[in-house]
Amino acid sequence: MEMPPATRSSARDAMEQLHKDESPVVMPDTADDVIEVGWRRWQSFKRRHWKAAGSWDQRLEDLAKGLRDAVEPDGRLVGPLIEDYRHLASTLGQAFMANADASGDRR
């Protein structure tokens, strides 16, 4: 599913705010790419986790790991930055869910 324009706008605004708040994992030049990766990961959760319904926390943890893996050359070396990826995932997850059409496959 293509990302609705309102969702994209909300996600961009959220990324801009995280950058202003000096998040170490948000870079303006890669924000659109990160949003796209996050959206694909969000939309594919049910397909990748078909045995579990997936709570909000499980979806956010999955999104954080997906963002980490997309951005970092070696996700095993992220260490404490995973908390920043979790915050990014929570922020993007809220933006993705703000639009009813953007609920994807969330149960």
Protein backbone atom coordinates (compact mmCIF):
# COMPACT_ATOMS: atom_id res chain seq x y z
CA MET A 1 0.00 0.00 0.00
CA GLU A 2 1.29 3.41 -0.93
CA MET A 3 1.67 5.85 1.92
CA PRO A 4 -1.19 8.38 2.04
CA PRO A 5 0.00 11.99 1.61
CA ALA A 6 -1.33 13.00 5.05
CA THR A 7 0.65 10.19 6.67
CA ARG A 8 3.82 11.14 4.79
CA SER A 9 3.39 14.74 5.90
CA SER A 10 2.87 13.71 9.54
CA ALA A 11 5.92 11.46 9.41
CA ARG A 12 8.07 14.24 7.90
CA ASP A 13 6.92 16.68 10.57
CA ALA A 14 7.75 14.12 13.26
CA MET A 15 11.21 13.52 11.79
CA GLU A 16 11.87 17.27 11.66
CA GLN A 17 10.93 17.59 15.32
CA LEU A 18 13.19 14.69 16.29
CA HIS A 19 16.04 16.35 14.40
CA LYS A 20 15.39 19.65 16.21
CA ASP A 21 15.44 17.68 19.46
CA GLU A 22 18.90 16.44 18.41
CA SER A 23 18.07 12.76 17.99
CA PRO A 24 21.32 11.01 17.07
CA VAL A 25 19.55 8.66 14.64
CA VAL A 26 17.67 11.25 12.56
CA MET A 27 19.49 12.95 9.69
CA PRO A 28 17.61 15.40 7.44
CA ASP A 29 19.26 14.09 4.26
CA THR A 30 18.01 10.52 4.89
CA ALA A 31 14.66 11.29 6.54
CA ASP A 32 12.54 10.45 3.49
CA ASP A 33 14.36 7.14 3.01
CA VAL A 34 13.91 6.25 6.68
CA ILE A 35 10.19 7.07 6.45
CA GLU A 36 9.84 4.78 3.42
CA VAL A 37 11.70 1.95 5.14
CA GLY A 38 9.58 2.42 8.23
CA TRP A 39 6.35 2.41 6.24
CA ARG A 40 7.26 -0.81 4.40
CA ARG A 41 8.24 -2.46 7.69
CA TRP A 42 5.01 -1.26 9.34
CA GLN A 43 2.85 -2.52 6.50
CA SER A 44 4.55 -5.92 6.37
CA PHE A 45 4.32 -6.77 10.08
CA LYS A 46 1.42 -9.19 9.79
CA ARG A 47 2.98 -11.06 6.90
CA ARG A 48 6.27 -11.46 8.78
CA HIS A 49 4.61 -12.31 12.12
CA TRP A 50 1.62 -14.32 10.96
CA LYS A 51 1.55 -16.50 14.09
CA ALA A 52 1.12 -13.57 16.48
CA ALA A 53 -1.41 -10.77 16.42
CA GLY A 54 1.24 -8.28 17.47
CA SER A 55 0.71 -5.83 20.28
CA TRP A 56 1.55 -2.17 19.88
CA ASP A 57 4.83 -2.72 21.77
CA GLN A 58 5.76 -5.69 19.58
CA ARG A 59 5.13 -3.66 16.44
CA LEU A 60 7.23 -0.78 17.75
CA GLU A 61 10.11 -3.08 18.69
CA ASP A 62 9.95 -4.68 15.24
CA LEU A 63 9.95 -1.24 13.61
CA ALA A 64 12.89 -0.08 15.74
CA LYS A 65 14.93 -3.13 14.72
CA GLY A 66 14.02 -2.66 11.07
CA LEU A 67 15.06 0.99 11.14
CA ARG A 68 18.28 0.10 12.93
CA ASP A 69 19.08 -2.58 10.36
CA ALA A 70 18.35 -0.22 7.47
CA VAL A 71 20.53 2.60 8.80
CA GLU A 72 23.39 0.99 10.68
CA PRO A 73 26.15 -0.95 8.91
CA ASP A 74 26.21 -3.51 11.75
CA GLY A 75 23.11 -3.57 13.93
CA ARG A 76 24.88 -5.67 16.55
CA LEU A 77 27.11 -2.71 17.39
CA VAL A 78 24.34 -0.17 18.04
CA GLY A 79 24.35 -0.56 21.82
CA PRO A 80 22.51 2.22 23.67
CA LEU A 81 21.38 3.84 20.39
CA ILE A 82 18.66 1.20 20.21
CA GLU A 83 16.72 3.38 22.66
CA ASP A 84 16.87 6.22 20.13
CA TYR A 85 15.63 3.85 17.42
CA ARG A 86 12.78 2.81 19.73
CA HIS A 87 11.85 6.46 20.21
CA LEU A 88 12.01 7.00 16.44
CA ALA A 89 9.83 3.90 15.92
CA SER A 90 7.27 5.14 18.44
CA THR A 91 7.16 8.54 16.76
CA LEU A 92 6.77 7.08 13.26
CA GLY A 93 4.27 4.48 14.48
CA GLN A 94 2.08 7.24 15.87
CA ALA A 95 2.31 9.14 12.58
CA PHE A 96 1.45 5.98 10.62
CA MET A 97 -1.57 5.29 12.81
CA ALA A 98 -2.83 8.89 12.88
CA ASN A 99 -4.49 8.33 9.51
CA ALA A 100 -7.19 5.64 9.64
CA ASP A 101 -6.29 4.55 6.11
CA ALA A 102 -2.72 3.97 7.21
CA SER A 103 -3.46 1.25 9.75
CA GLY A 104 -1.96 -1.38 7.48
CA ASP A 105 -2.34 -4.87 8.80
CA ARG A 106 -2.42 -3.97 12.50
CA ARG A 107 -4.93 -6.01 14.46
